[in-house]
Amino acid sequence: MTSVKKGLVLGEDGVERCWWCGSAPDYVAYHDEEWGWPVHDDVRLFEKICLEGFQSGLSWLTILRKRDNFRKAFAGFDYHRVARFNRRSVERLLGDAGIVRHRAKIESTINNARRAIEMEEEFGSLSAFFWRHVPPASERPPKMSDGAPVILSKTPTSTALSKELKRRGWSFVGPTTVYAFMQAMGLVNDHLWGCSIRDRISRGGRA
């Protein structure tokens, strides 16, 4: 890929994309087919917020390449099943070289599964809860600042959502982690201006 303008890269296929997807084929596929497309499936929402917690301190590419292993280890992120995990399950997961073996993050995923069930009982679905937190247009960054793309790591809405999740007993859901979740699940469209995928999402296309 070659740089065409600040924030964008031009792929060999002639498509302009956000700079961060680089040249790794699996990253390009994730950028084009998943990141930023609206998701309403409860299991995928739960999976993503948990994987964002595992990603803390690591690169997303590391987690992406282990995602199939995570899915196998955590029962496809079916939170009703994960909620039944116990101490023996934690020890099993700590021995699984295919995932990130971090006790606090593993225990957090089990805890969050139990909190997800409570949320489902209250709101009807995780989707119903999370999609109440679409940020207002005033939080969207301008196209450019001095010729450079404006890249946010958290917003007032992600901070408020983080506080609400923590109040409900969720863990590993800081404002930056929550904003990354919001970006990935399409609560915001943070593909950079000029990115071909941004335009498709804005037009209401499908991944």
N, C-alpha and C. Protein backbone atom coordinates (compact mmCIF):
# COMPACT_ATOMS: atom_id res chain seq x y z
N MET A 1 0.83 -1.19 0.00
CA MET A 1 0.00 0.00 0.00
C MET A 1 0.87 1.25 0.00
N THR A 2 0.40 2.28 -0.66
CA THR A 2 1.13 3.53 -0.69
C THR A 2 0.27 4.63 -0.12
N SER A 3 0.91 5.58 0.55
CA SER A 3 0.18 6.68 1.16
C SER A 3 -0.33 7.62 0.08
N VAL A 4 -1.58 8.05 0.21
CA VAL A 4 -2.14 8.99 -0.75
C VAL A 4 -2.44 10.34 -0.11
N LYS A 5 -2.74 10.35 1.16
CA LYS A 5 -2.98 11.60 1.88
C LYS A 5 -2.94 11.26 3.37
N LYS A 6 -2.83 12.26 4.17
CA LYS A 6 -2.74 12.01 5.60
C LYS A 6 -3.95 11.25 6.10
N GLY A 7 -3.68 10.12 6.72
CA GLY A 7 -4.75 9.33 7.29
C GLY A 7 -5.27 8.23 6.40
N LEU A 8 -4.97 8.26 5.12
CA LEU A 8 -5.48 7.25 4.20
C LEU A 8 -4.34 6.56 3.48
N VAL A 9 -4.59 5.31 3.09
CA VAL A 9 -3.63 4.58 2.26
C VAL A 9 -4.38 4.05 1.04
N LEU A 10 -3.67 3.93 -0.04
CA LEU A 10 -4.25 3.42 -1.27
C LEU A 10 -3.79 1.98 -1.46
N GLY A 11 -4.74 1.07 -1.49
CA GLY A 11 -4.40 -0.34 -1.64
C GLY A 11 -4.05 -0.68 -3.06
N GLU A 12 -3.49 -1.86 -3.24
CA GLU A 12 -3.16 -2.33 -4.57
C GLU A 12 -4.41 -2.50 -5.42
N ASP A 13 -5.56 -2.62 -4.75
CA ASP A 13 -6.83 -2.73 -5.47
C ASP A 13 -7.42 -1.38 -5.84
N GLY A 14 -6.66 -0.30 -5.53
CA GLY A 14 -7.12 1.04 -5.87
C GLY A 14 -8.11 1.64 -4.90
N VAL A 15 -8.31 0.99 -3.74
CA VAL A 15 -9.28 1.45 -2.75
C VAL A 15 -8.57 2.23 -1.65
N GLU A 16 -9.11 3.40 -1.32
CA GLU A 16 -8.57 4.20 -0.22
C GLU A 16 -9.17 3.73 1.10
N ARG A 17 -8.29 3.52 2.08
CA ARG A 17 -8.71 3.02 3.38
C ARG A 17 -8.03 3.82 4.49
N CYS A 18 -8.56 3.65 5.71
CA CYS A 18 -7.95 4.25 6.89
C CYS A 18 -6.52 3.73 7.05
N TRP A 19 -5.63 4.59 7.51
CA TRP A 19 -4.21 4.27 7.61
C TRP A 19 -3.94 3.05 8.48
N TRP A 20 -4.77 2.83 9.52
CA TRP A 20 -4.42 1.83 10.54
C TRP A 20 -4.51 0.40 10.04
N CYS A 21 -5.23 0.16 8.96
CA CYS A 21 -5.34 -1.23 8.52
C CYS A 21 -4.07 -1.71 7.81
N GLY A 22 -3.18 -0.76 7.46
CA GLY A 22 -1.86 -1.13 6.94
C GLY A 22 -1.93 -2.08 5.77
N SER A 23 -1.04 -3.06 5.79
CA SER A 23 -0.94 -3.98 4.67
C SER A 23 -1.24 -5.43 5.05
N ALA A 24 -1.53 -5.71 6.33
CA ALA A 24 -1.83 -7.08 6.75
C ALA A 24 -3.18 -7.49 6.18
N PRO A 25 -3.24 -8.56 5.41
CA PRO A 25 -4.51 -8.96 4.78
C PRO A 25 -5.66 -9.13 5.76
N ASP A 26 -5.40 -9.72 6.94
CA ASP A 26 -6.50 -9.93 7.89
C ASP A 26 -6.97 -8.61 8.48
N TYR A 27 -6.08 -7.63 8.60
CA TYR A 27 -6.46 -6.31 9.08
C TYR A 27 -7.30 -5.58 8.03
N VAL A 28 -6.92 -5.71 6.76
CA VAL A 28 -7.67 -5.08 5.68
C VAL A 28 -9.07 -5.66 5.61
N ALA A 29 -9.19 -6.97 5.73
CA ALA A 29 -10.51 -7.61 5.71
C ALA A 29 -11.35 -7.15 6.89
N TYR A 30 -10.73 -7.04 8.06
CA TYR A 30 -11.46 -6.57 9.25
C TYR A 30 -11.95 -5.14 9.02
N HIS A 31 -11.09 -4.29 8.48
CA HIS A 31 -11.45 -2.90 8.20
C HIS A 31 -12.62 -2.82 7.21
N ASP A 32 -12.58 -3.61 6.17
CA ASP A 32 -13.59 -3.52 5.11
C ASP A 32 -14.91 -4.18 5.48
N GLU A 33 -14.85 -5.30 6.20
CA GLU A 33 -16.03 -6.14 6.38
C GLU A 33 -16.65 -6.08 7.77
N GLU A 34 -15.93 -5.53 8.76
CA GLU A 34 -16.45 -5.56 10.13
C GLU A 34 -16.44 -4.20 10.83
N TRP A 35 -15.30 -3.55 10.86
CA TRP A 35 -15.12 -2.37 11.72
C TRP A 35 -16.04 -1.24 11.28
N GLY A 36 -16.88 -0.82 12.20
CA GLY A 36 -17.75 0.32 11.93
C GLY A 36 -19.10 -0.02 11.36
N TRP A 37 -19.31 -1.28 10.93
CA TRP A 37 -20.62 -1.68 10.43
C TRP A 37 -21.56 -1.93 11.62
N PRO A 38 -22.75 -1.38 11.61
CA PRO A 38 -23.66 -1.53 12.76
C PRO A 38 -23.95 -2.99 13.09
N VAL A 39 -23.79 -3.32 14.37
CA VAL A 39 -24.03 -4.68 14.87
C VAL A 39 -25.11 -4.64 15.94
N HIS A 40 -26.12 -5.51 15.79
CA HIS A 40 -27.21 -5.59 16.78
C HIS A 40 -27.31 -6.97 17.40
N ASP A 41 -26.46 -7.87 16.99
CA ASP A 41 -26.47 -9.23 17.53
C ASP A 41 -25.86 -9.23 18.93
N ASP A 42 -26.60 -9.73 19.92
CA ASP A 42 -26.15 -9.66 21.31
C ASP A 42 -24.85 -10.42 21.55
N VAL A 43 -24.71 -11.58 20.95
CA VAL A 43 -23.50 -12.38 21.17
C VAL A 43 -22.28 -11.66 20.61
N ARG A 44 -22.42 -11.08 19.42
CA ARG A 44 -21.28 -10.36 18.83
C ARG A 44 -20.95 -9.10 19.64
N LEU A 45 -21.96 -8.43 20.17
CA LEU A 45 -21.71 -7.27 21.02
C LEU A 45 -20.95 -7.68 22.27
N PHE A 46 -21.39 -8.78 22.89
CA PHE A 46 -20.71 -9.26 24.09
C PHE A 46 -19.28 -9.68 23.76
N GLU A 47 -19.13 -10.41 22.68
CA GLU A 47 -17.78 -10.83 22.27
C GLU A 47 -16.85 -9.64 22.12
N LYS A 48 -17.32 -8.62 21.43
CA LYS A 48 -16.45 -7.49 21.13
C LYS A 48 -16.04 -6.73 22.38
N ILE A 49 -16.99 -6.49 23.29
CA ILE A 49 -16.61 -5.71 24.46
C ILE A 49 -15.63 -6.51 25.33
N CYS A 50 -15.77 -7.84 25.33
CA CYS A 50 -14.82 -8.67 26.07
C CYS A 50 -13.45 -8.68 25.40
N LEU A 51 -13.43 -8.81 24.09
CA LEU A 51 -12.14 -8.84 23.38
C LEU A 51 -11.44 -7.49 23.47
N GLU A 52 -12.20 -6.41 23.51
CA GLU A 52 -11.57 -5.10 23.71
C GLU A 52 -10.90 -5.06 25.08
N GLY A 53 -11.50 -5.70 26.07
CA GLY A 53 -10.87 -5.78 27.38
C GLY A 53 -9.59 -6.59 27.33
N PHE A 54 -9.60 -7.70 26.60
CA PHE A 54 -8.38 -8.49 26.45
C PHE A 54 -7.31 -7.72 25.69
N GLN A 55 -7.73 -6.85 24.79
CA GLN A 55 -6.78 -6.10 23.97
C GLN A 55 -6.02 -5.05 24.76
N SER A 56 -6.52 -4.65 25.91
CA SER A 56 -5.87 -3.62 26.71
C SER A 56 -4.40 -3.93 26.92
N GLY A 57 -3.54 -3.03 26.46
CA GLY A 57 -2.10 -3.21 26.58
C GLY A 57 -1.48 -3.98 25.42
N LEU A 58 -2.29 -4.45 24.50
CA LEU A 58 -1.82 -5.21 23.34
C LEU A 58 -2.33 -4.54 22.07
N SER A 59 -1.93 -5.07 20.92
CA SER A 59 -2.45 -4.57 19.65
C SER A 59 -3.72 -5.34 19.31
N TRP A 60 -4.64 -4.67 18.60
CA TRP A 60 -5.85 -5.37 18.19
C TRP A 60 -5.53 -6.49 17.22
N LEU A 61 -4.48 -6.33 16.42
CA LEU A 61 -4.11 -7.38 15.47
C LEU A 61 -3.78 -8.68 16.21
N THR A 62 -3.15 -8.57 17.37
CA THR A 62 -2.85 -9.76 18.18
C THR A 62 -4.13 -10.48 18.57
N ILE A 63 -5.13 -9.71 19.02
CA ILE A 63 -6.40 -10.30 19.42
C ILE A 63 -7.15 -10.85 18.21
N LEU A 64 -7.13 -10.11 17.12
CA LEU A 64 -7.83 -10.55 15.92
C LEU A 64 -7.33 -11.90 15.45
N ARG A 65 -6.02 -12.09 15.50
CA ARG A 65 -5.44 -13.35 15.03
C ARG A 65 -5.70 -14.51 15.99
N LYS A 66 -6.09 -14.18 17.22
CA LYS A 66 -6.43 -15.23 18.20
C LYS A 66 -7.95 -15.36 18.37
N ARG A 67 -8.72 -14.62 17.61
CA ARG A 67 -10.16 -14.55 17.86
C ARG A 67 -10.84 -15.91 17.76
N ASP A 68 -10.49 -16.71 16.79
CA ASP A 68 -11.10 -18.04 16.68
C ASP A 68 -10.80 -18.89 17.91
N ASN A 69 -9.59 -18.73 18.44
CA ASN A 69 -9.23 -19.46 19.66
C ASN A 69 -10.06 -18.97 20.85
N PHE A 70 -10.24 -17.65 20.92
CA PHE A 70 -11.08 -17.08 21.99
C PHE A 70 -12.50 -17.62 21.88
N ARG A 71 -13.02 -17.67 20.67
CA ARG A 71 -14.40 -18.14 20.49
C ARG A 71 -14.55 -19.59 20.94
N LYS A 72 -13.55 -20.39 20.62
CA LYS A 72 -13.60 -21.79 21.04
C LYS A 72 -13.50 -21.89 22.56
N ALA A 73 -12.62 -21.10 23.15
CA ALA A 73 -12.39 -21.17 24.60
C ALA A 73 -13.59 -20.66 25.39
N PHE A 74 -14.28 -19.66 24.85
CA PHE A 74 -15.39 -19.02 25.59
C PHE A 74 -16.75 -19.37 24.99
N ALA A 75 -16.90 -20.59 24.52
CA ALA A 75 -18.21 -21.10 24.08
C ALA A 75 -18.88 -20.19 23.06
N GLY A 76 -18.07 -19.68 22.12
CA GLY A 76 -18.62 -18.80 21.11
C GLY A 76 -19.10 -17.46 21.64
N PHE A 77 -18.71 -17.14 22.88
CA PHE A 77 -19.14 -15.93 23.58
C PHE A 77 -20.66 -15.91 23.80
N ASP A 78 -21.23 -17.09 23.88
CA ASP A 78 -22.62 -17.21 24.34
C ASP A 78 -22.61 -16.90 25.83
N TYR A 79 -23.03 -15.70 26.20
CA TYR A 79 -22.86 -15.27 27.59
C TYR A 79 -23.69 -16.07 28.58
N HIS A 80 -24.75 -16.71 28.11
CA HIS A 80 -25.50 -17.59 29.01
C HIS A 80 -24.65 -18.81 29.40
N ARG A 81 -23.83 -19.27 28.50
CA ARG A 81 -22.94 -20.40 28.81
C ARG A 81 -21.72 -19.94 29.59
N VAL A 82 -21.15 -18.80 29.20
CA VAL A 82 -19.96 -18.28 29.89
C VAL A 82 -20.29 -17.97 31.34
N ALA A 83 -21.50 -17.52 31.60
CA ALA A 83 -21.90 -17.17 32.97
C ALA A 83 -21.82 -18.37 33.90
N ARG A 84 -21.86 -19.58 33.35
CA ARG A 84 -21.80 -20.79 34.17
C ARG A 84 -20.37 -21.29 34.39
N PHE A 85 -19.38 -20.60 33.81
CA PHE A 85 -17.99 -20.98 34.03
C PHE A 85 -17.66 -20.84 35.52
N ASN A 86 -16.73 -21.69 35.99
CA ASN A 86 -16.37 -21.68 37.40
C ASN A 86 -14.84 -21.64 37.55
N ARG A 87 -14.37 -21.89 38.76
CA ARG A 87 -12.92 -21.83 39.01
C ARG A 87 -12.17 -22.82 38.14
N ARG A 88 -12.74 -23.99 37.96
CA ARG A 88 -12.09 -24.99 37.09
C ARG A 88 -11.99 -24.46 35.66
N SER A 89 -13.01 -23.75 35.23
CA SER A 89 -12.99 -23.16 33.89
C SER A 89 -11.86 -22.13 33.78
N VAL A 90 -11.70 -21.34 34.82
CA VAL A 90 -10.63 -20.33 34.81
C VAL A 90 -9.27 -21.00 34.69
N GLU A 91 -9.04 -22.06 35.44
CA GLU A 91 -7.76 -22.76 35.37
C GLU A 91 -7.56 -23.38 33.99
N ARG A 92 -8.62 -23.89 33.40
CA ARG A 92 -8.52 -24.44 32.05
C ARG A 92 -8.10 -23.36 31.07
N LEU A 93 -8.71 -22.19 31.17
CA LEU A 93 -8.41 -21.10 30.26
C LEU A 93 -7.00 -20.56 30.46
N LEU A 94 -6.53 -20.57 31.70
CA LEU A 94 -5.15 -20.13 31.97
C LEU A 94 -4.13 -21.07 31.33
N GLY A 95 -4.54 -22.28 31.02
CA GLY A 95 -3.65 -23.23 30.36
C GLY A 95 -3.80 -23.26 28.86
N ASP A 96 -4.65 -22.40 28.31
CA ASP A 96 -4.91 -22.38 26.87
C ASP A 96 -3.95 -21.40 26.19
N ALA A 97 -2.96 -21.92 25.49
CA ALA A 97 -1.95 -21.08 24.84
C ALA A 97 -2.51 -20.31 23.64
N GLY A 98 -3.72 -20.65 23.21
CA GLY A 98 -4.29 -19.99 22.04
C GLY A 98 -4.92 -18.64 22.34
N ILE A 99 -5.08 -18.31 23.62
CA ILE A 99 -5.68 -17.03 23.99
C ILE A 99 -4.69 -16.22 24.82
N VAL A 100 -5.11 -15.05 25.26
CA VAL A 100 -4.30 -14.24 26.18
C VAL A 100 -4.59 -14.75 27.59
N ARG A 101 -3.57 -15.34 28.21
CA ARG A 101 -3.77 -15.99 29.52
C ARG A 101 -3.54 -14.98 30.65
N HIS A 102 -4.55 -14.20 30.89
CA HIS A 102 -4.51 -13.14 31.90
C HIS A 102 -5.68 -13.39 32.85
N ARG A 103 -5.36 -13.79 34.07
CA ARG A 103 -6.42 -14.22 35.00
C ARG A 103 -7.50 -13.16 35.19
N ALA A 104 -7.10 -11.91 35.41
CA ALA A 104 -8.09 -10.87 35.69
C ALA A 104 -9.02 -10.67 34.50
N LYS A 105 -8.49 -10.77 33.28
CA LYS A 105 -9.31 -10.57 32.09
C LYS A 105 -10.23 -11.77 31.86
N ILE A 106 -9.75 -12.95 32.16
CA ILE A 106 -10.59 -14.15 32.06
C ILE A 106 -11.74 -14.08 33.06
N GLU A 107 -11.41 -13.75 34.29
CA GLU A 107 -12.45 -13.65 35.32
C GLU A 107 -13.42 -12.51 35.00
N SER A 108 -12.90 -11.44 34.39
CA SER A 108 -13.75 -10.33 33.99
C SER A 108 -14.78 -10.77 32.95
N THR A 109 -14.36 -11.60 32.00
CA THR A 109 -15.27 -12.07 30.96
C THR A 109 -16.41 -12.89 31.56
N ILE A 110 -16.09 -13.72 32.54
CA ILE A 110 -17.12 -14.52 33.21
C ILE A 110 -18.07 -13.62 33.99
N ASN A 111 -17.50 -12.68 34.73
CA ASN A 111 -18.31 -11.71 35.46
C ASN A 111 -19.22 -10.93 34.52
N ASN A 112 -18.65 -10.45 33.41
CA ASN A 112 -19.43 -9.64 32.48
C ASN A 112 -20.55 -10.44 31.83
N ALA A 113 -20.33 -11.74 31.66
CA ALA A 113 -21.40 -12.59 31.12
C ALA A 113 -22.60 -12.59 32.07
N ARG A 114 -22.34 -12.65 33.35
CA ARG A 114 -23.42 -12.64 34.34
C ARG A 114 -24.12 -11.28 34.36
N ARG A 115 -23.33 -10.22 34.21
CA ARG A 115 -23.92 -8.89 34.14
C ARG A 115 -24.72 -8.71 32.85
N ALA A 116 -24.27 -9.35 31.78
CA ALA A 116 -24.99 -9.26 30.49
C ALA A 116 -26.37 -9.88 30.60
N ILE A 117 -26.48 -10.99 31.32
CA ILE A 117 -27.78 -11.63 31.52
C ILE A 117 -28.71 -10.70 32.29
N GLU A 118 -28.19 -10.03 33.31
CA GLU A 118 -28.99 -9.07 34.06
C GLU A 118 -29.47 -7.94 33.15
N MET A 119 -28.58 -7.50 32.27
CA MET A 119 -28.93 -6.41 31.35
C MET A 119 -29.99 -6.87 30.36
N GLU A 120 -29.85 -8.08 29.88
CA GLU A 120 -30.82 -8.65 28.96
C GLU A 120 -32.20 -8.73 29.62
N GLU A 121 -32.22 -9.13 30.87
CA GLU A 121 -33.49 -9.24 31.60
C GLU A 121 -34.14 -7.87 31.78
N GLU A 122 -33.32 -6.84 31.95
CA GLU A 122 -33.86 -5.50 32.18
C GLU A 122 -34.29 -4.81 30.90
N PHE A 123 -33.49 -4.92 29.85
CA PHE A 123 -33.73 -4.17 28.62
C PHE A 123 -34.27 -5.01 27.46
N GLY A 124 -34.28 -6.31 27.65
CA GLY A 124 -34.75 -7.18 26.58
C GLY A 124 -33.63 -7.73 25.72
N SER A 125 -32.55 -6.98 25.59
CA SER A 125 -31.38 -7.41 24.82
C SER A 125 -30.21 -6.49 25.12
N LEU A 126 -29.01 -6.96 24.84
CA LEU A 126 -27.84 -6.08 24.97
C LEU A 126 -27.90 -4.98 23.93
N SER A 127 -28.38 -5.34 22.75
CA SER A 127 -28.49 -4.35 21.68
C SER A 127 -29.36 -3.17 22.11
N ALA A 128 -30.47 -3.47 22.75
CA ALA A 128 -31.37 -2.39 23.19
C ALA A 128 -30.67 -1.45 24.15
N PHE A 129 -29.81 -2.02 25.02
CA PHE A 129 -29.09 -1.16 25.96
C PHE A 129 -28.02 -0.35 25.24
N PHE A 130 -27.13 -1.01 24.50
CA PHE A 130 -26.00 -0.31 23.91
C PHE A 130 -26.42 0.73 22.89
N TRP A 131 -27.46 0.44 22.11
CA TRP A 131 -27.85 1.38 21.06
C TRP A 131 -28.62 2.58 21.61
N ARG A 132 -28.82 2.60 22.92
CA ARG A 132 -29.32 3.82 23.56
C ARG A 132 -28.21 4.87 23.69
N HIS A 133 -26.97 4.46 23.43
CA HIS A 133 -25.82 5.32 23.69
C HIS A 133 -25.11 5.76 22.41
N VAL A 134 -25.87 5.94 21.34
CA VAL A 134 -25.29 6.53 20.13
C VAL A 134 -24.97 7.99 20.43
N PRO A 135 -23.73 8.43 20.20
CA PRO A 135 -23.36 9.81 20.58
C PRO A 135 -24.02 10.85 19.67
N PRO A 136 -24.21 12.04 20.18
CA PRO A 136 -24.80 13.10 19.36
C PRO A 136 -23.83 13.56 18.29
N ALA A 137 -24.36 14.22 17.27
CA ALA A 137 -23.52 14.70 16.16
C ALA A 137 -22.44 15.67 16.65
N SER A 138 -22.72 16.36 17.74
CA SER A 138 -21.75 17.35 18.25
C SER A 138 -20.45 16.71 18.71
N GLU A 139 -20.46 15.40 18.96
CA GLU A 139 -19.24 14.72 19.38
C GLU A 139 -18.39 14.27 18.20
N ARG A 140 -18.91 14.34 16.99
CA ARG A 140 -18.16 13.88 15.84
C ARG A 140 -17.05 14.86 15.53
N PRO A 141 -15.86 14.37 15.23
CA PRO A 141 -14.75 15.27 14.93
C PRO A 141 -14.89 15.91 13.56
N PRO A 142 -14.26 17.07 13.35
CA PRO A 142 -14.25 17.67 12.01
C PRO A 142 -13.44 16.80 11.05
N LYS A 143 -13.54 17.10 9.77
CA LYS A 143 -12.84 16.28 8.80
C LYS A 143 -11.33 16.28 9.02
N MET A 144 -10.78 17.44 9.23
CA MET A 144 -9.33 17.55 9.37
C MET A 144 -9.00 18.65 10.37
N SER A 145 -7.82 18.56 10.95
CA SER A 145 -7.30 19.63 11.80
C SER A 145 -5.89 19.93 11.30
N ASP A 146 -5.73 21.09 10.67
CA ASP A 146 -4.44 21.47 10.08
C ASP A 146 -3.96 20.40 9.09
N GLY A 147 -4.88 19.85 8.33
CA GLY A 147 -4.51 18.88 7.31
C GLY A 147 -4.37 17.47 7.80
N ALA A 148 -4.50 17.23 9.13
CA ALA A 148 -4.34 15.89 9.69
C ALA A 148 -5.71 15.39 10.18
N PRO A 149 -5.96 14.09 10.07
CA PRO A 149 -7.25 13.56 10.55
C PRO A 149 -7.36 13.68 12.06
N VAL A 150 -8.56 13.93 12.53
CA VAL A 150 -8.83 14.00 13.96
C VAL A 150 -9.20 12.61 14.44
N ILE A 151 -8.40 12.07 15.35
CA ILE A 151 -8.61 10.71 15.84
C ILE A 151 -8.91 10.77 17.33
N LEU A 152 -10.07 10.28 17.72
CA LEU A 152 -10.50 10.31 19.11
C LEU A 152 -10.18 8.98 19.79
N SER A 153 -9.90 9.04 21.10
CA SER A 153 -9.69 7.82 21.87
C SER A 153 -10.82 7.60 22.88
N LYS A 154 -11.54 8.66 23.19
CA LYS A 154 -12.71 8.57 24.06
C LYS A 154 -13.54 9.82 23.86
N THR A 155 -14.78 9.77 24.29
CA THR A 155 -15.70 10.90 24.15
C THR A 155 -16.54 11.01 25.42
N PRO A 156 -17.28 12.10 25.57
CA PRO A 156 -18.18 12.18 26.72
C PRO A 156 -19.17 11.01 26.77
N THR A 157 -19.64 10.56 25.61
CA THR A 157 -20.59 9.45 25.60
C THR A 157 -19.93 8.15 26.03
N SER A 158 -18.71 7.89 25.55
CA SER A 158 -18.02 6.65 25.95
C SER A 158 -17.68 6.69 27.43
N THR A 159 -17.37 7.88 27.94
CA THR A 159 -17.09 8.02 29.37
C THR A 159 -18.34 7.74 30.19
N ALA A 160 -19.48 8.27 29.74
CA ALA A 160 -20.74 8.05 30.45
C ALA A 160 -21.14 6.58 30.39
N LEU A 161 -20.96 5.94 29.22
CA LEU A 161 -21.31 4.53 29.08
C LEU A 161 -20.39 3.67 29.95
N SER A 162 -19.12 4.02 30.00
CA SER A 162 -18.17 3.31 30.85
C SER A 162 -18.61 3.37 32.31
N LYS A 163 -19.00 4.54 32.76
CA LYS A 163 -19.44 4.71 34.15
C LYS A 163 -20.70 3.88 34.42
N GLU A 164 -21.61 3.85 33.45
CA GLU A 164 -22.85 3.10 33.63
C GLU A 164 -22.57 1.60 33.69
N LEU A 165 -21.68 1.12 32.83
CA LEU A 165 -21.33 -0.31 32.86
C LEU A 165 -20.66 -0.67 34.19
N LYS A 166 -19.76 0.16 34.64
CA LYS A 166 -19.09 -0.10 35.92
C LYS A 166 -20.10 -0.09 37.06
N ARG A 167 -21.06 0.82 37.00
CA ARG A 167 -22.10 0.88 38.03
C ARG A 167 -22.90 -0.43 38.07
N ARG A 168 -23.03 -1.04 36.90
CA ARG A 168 -23.77 -2.29 36.80
C ARG A 168 -22.89 -3.51 37.07
N GLY A 169 -21.62 -3.28 37.43
CA GLY A 169 -20.75 -4.37 37.83
C GLY A 169 -19.83 -4.92 36.76
N TRP A 170 -19.84 -4.32 35.56
CA TRP A 170 -18.93 -4.77 34.51
C TRP A 170 -17.50 -4.33 34.84
N SER A 171 -16.53 -5.04 34.29
CA SER A 171 -15.12 -4.68 34.51
C SER A 171 -14.37 -4.67 33.19
N PHE A 172 -13.19 -4.06 33.21
CA PHE A 172 -12.38 -3.83 32.00
C PHE A 172 -13.20 -3.10 30.94
N VAL A 173 -13.87 -2.05 31.38
CA VAL A 173 -14.70 -1.26 30.47
C VAL A 173 -14.43 0.23 30.70
N GLY A 174 -13.16 0.61 30.63
CA GLY A 174 -12.81 2.01 30.75
C GLY A 174 -13.28 2.80 29.54
N PRO A 175 -13.24 4.14 29.59
CA PRO A 175 -13.75 4.97 28.50
C PRO A 175 -13.09 4.71 27.15
N THR A 176 -11.78 4.44 27.14
CA THR A 176 -11.09 4.17 25.88
C THR A 176 -11.50 2.82 25.31
N THR A 177 -11.58 1.81 26.18
CA THR A 177 -12.03 0.49 25.75
C THR A 177 -13.45 0.56 25.21
N VAL A 178 -14.32 1.29 25.90
CA VAL A 178 -15.71 1.41 25.48
C VAL A 178 -15.80 2.15 24.14
N TYR A 179 -14.96 3.17 23.95
CA TYR A 179 -15.03 3.89 22.68
C TYR A 179 -14.57 3.01 21.53
N ALA A 180 -13.54 2.20 21.75
CA ALA A 180 -13.10 1.27 20.72
C ALA A 180 -14.23 0.30 20.37
N PHE A 181 -14.96 -0.14 21.37
CA PHE A 181 -16.14 -0.99 21.15
C PHE A 181 -17.18 -0.26 20.32
N MET A 182 -17.46 0.99 20.66
CA MET A 182 -18.46 1.77 19.93
C MET A 182 -18.05 1.96 18.47
N GLN A 183 -16.78 2.21 18.24
CA GLN A 183 -16.29 2.36 16.87
C GLN A 183 -16.48 1.07 16.08
N ALA A 184 -16.07 -0.03 16.68
CA ALA A 184 -16.10 -1.31 15.97
C ALA A 184 -17.51 -1.78 15.68
N MET A 185 -18.45 -1.53 16.61
CA MET A 185 -19.81 -2.03 16.48
C MET A 185 -20.73 -1.06 15.74
N GLY A 186 -20.18 0.05 15.27
CA GLY A 186 -20.96 0.94 14.43
C GLY A 186 -21.81 1.96 15.15
N LEU A 187 -21.66 2.07 16.49
CA LEU A 187 -22.39 3.13 17.18
C LEU A 187 -21.90 4.50 16.72
N VAL A 188 -20.66 4.53 16.25
CA VAL A 188 -20.12 5.71 15.57
C VAL A 188 -19.46 5.22 14.28
N ASN A 189 -19.42 6.09 13.28
CA ASN A 189 -18.72 5.77 12.04
C ASN A 189 -17.42 6.56 12.04
N ASP A 190 -16.35 5.94 12.51
CA ASP A 190 -15.08 6.63 12.62
C ASP A 190 -14.09 6.25 11.52
N HIS A 191 -14.59 5.66 10.44
CA HIS A 191 -13.73 5.57 9.26
C HIS A 191 -13.41 7.00 8.85
N LEU A 192 -12.19 7.25 8.46
CA LEU A 192 -11.78 8.61 8.15
C LEU A 192 -12.49 9.14 6.92
N TRP A 193 -12.62 10.47 6.88
CA TRP A 193 -13.21 11.11 5.71
C TRP A 193 -12.36 10.76 4.48
N GLY A 194 -13.02 10.29 3.45
CA GLY A 194 -12.31 9.88 2.24
C GLY A 194 -12.13 8.38 2.14
N CYS A 195 -12.30 7.67 3.26
CA CYS A 195 -12.22 6.21 3.25
C CYS A 195 -13.45 5.66 2.52
N SER A 196 -13.24 4.73 1.63
CA SER A 196 -14.35 4.19 0.83
C SER A 196 -15.39 3.49 1.70
N ILE A 197 -14.96 2.88 2.80
CA ILE A 197 -15.90 2.16 3.65
C ILE A 197 -16.78 3.14 4.42
N ARG A 198 -16.21 4.27 4.81
CA ARG A 198 -17.03 5.28 5.50
C ARG A 198 -18.23 5.66 4.65
N ASP A 199 -17.99 5.88 3.37
CA ASP A 199 -19.07 6.28 2.47
C ASP A 199 -20.12 5.18 2.36
N ARG A 200 -19.70 3.92 2.30
CA ARG A 200 -20.66 2.82 2.19
C ARG A 200 -21.52 2.72 3.44
N ILE A 201 -20.89 2.87 4.62
CA ILE A 201 -21.66 2.82 5.87
C ILE A 201 -22.63 3.99 5.94
N SER A 202 -22.15 5.17 5.56
CA SER A 202 -23.00 6.36 5.62
C SER A 202 -24.21 6.24 4.71
N ARG A 203 -24.06 5.50 3.61
CA ARG A 203 -25.17 5.31 2.67
C ARG A 203 -26.10 4.18 3.12
N GLY A 204 -25.74 3.54 4.24
CA GLY A 204 -26.58 2.45 4.74
C GLY A 204 -26.37 1.16 4.02
N GLY A 205 -25.17 0.96 3.50
CA GLY A 205 -24.84 -0.29 2.81
C GLY A 205 -24.67 -1.44 3.78
N ARG A 206 -24.29 -2.57 3.25
CA ARG A 206 -24.10 -3.76 4.08
C ARG A 206 -22.65 -4.20 3.99
N ALA A 207 -22.18 -4.81 5.10
CA ALA A 207 -20.80 -5.31 5.12
C ALA A 207 -20.66 -6.44 4.12
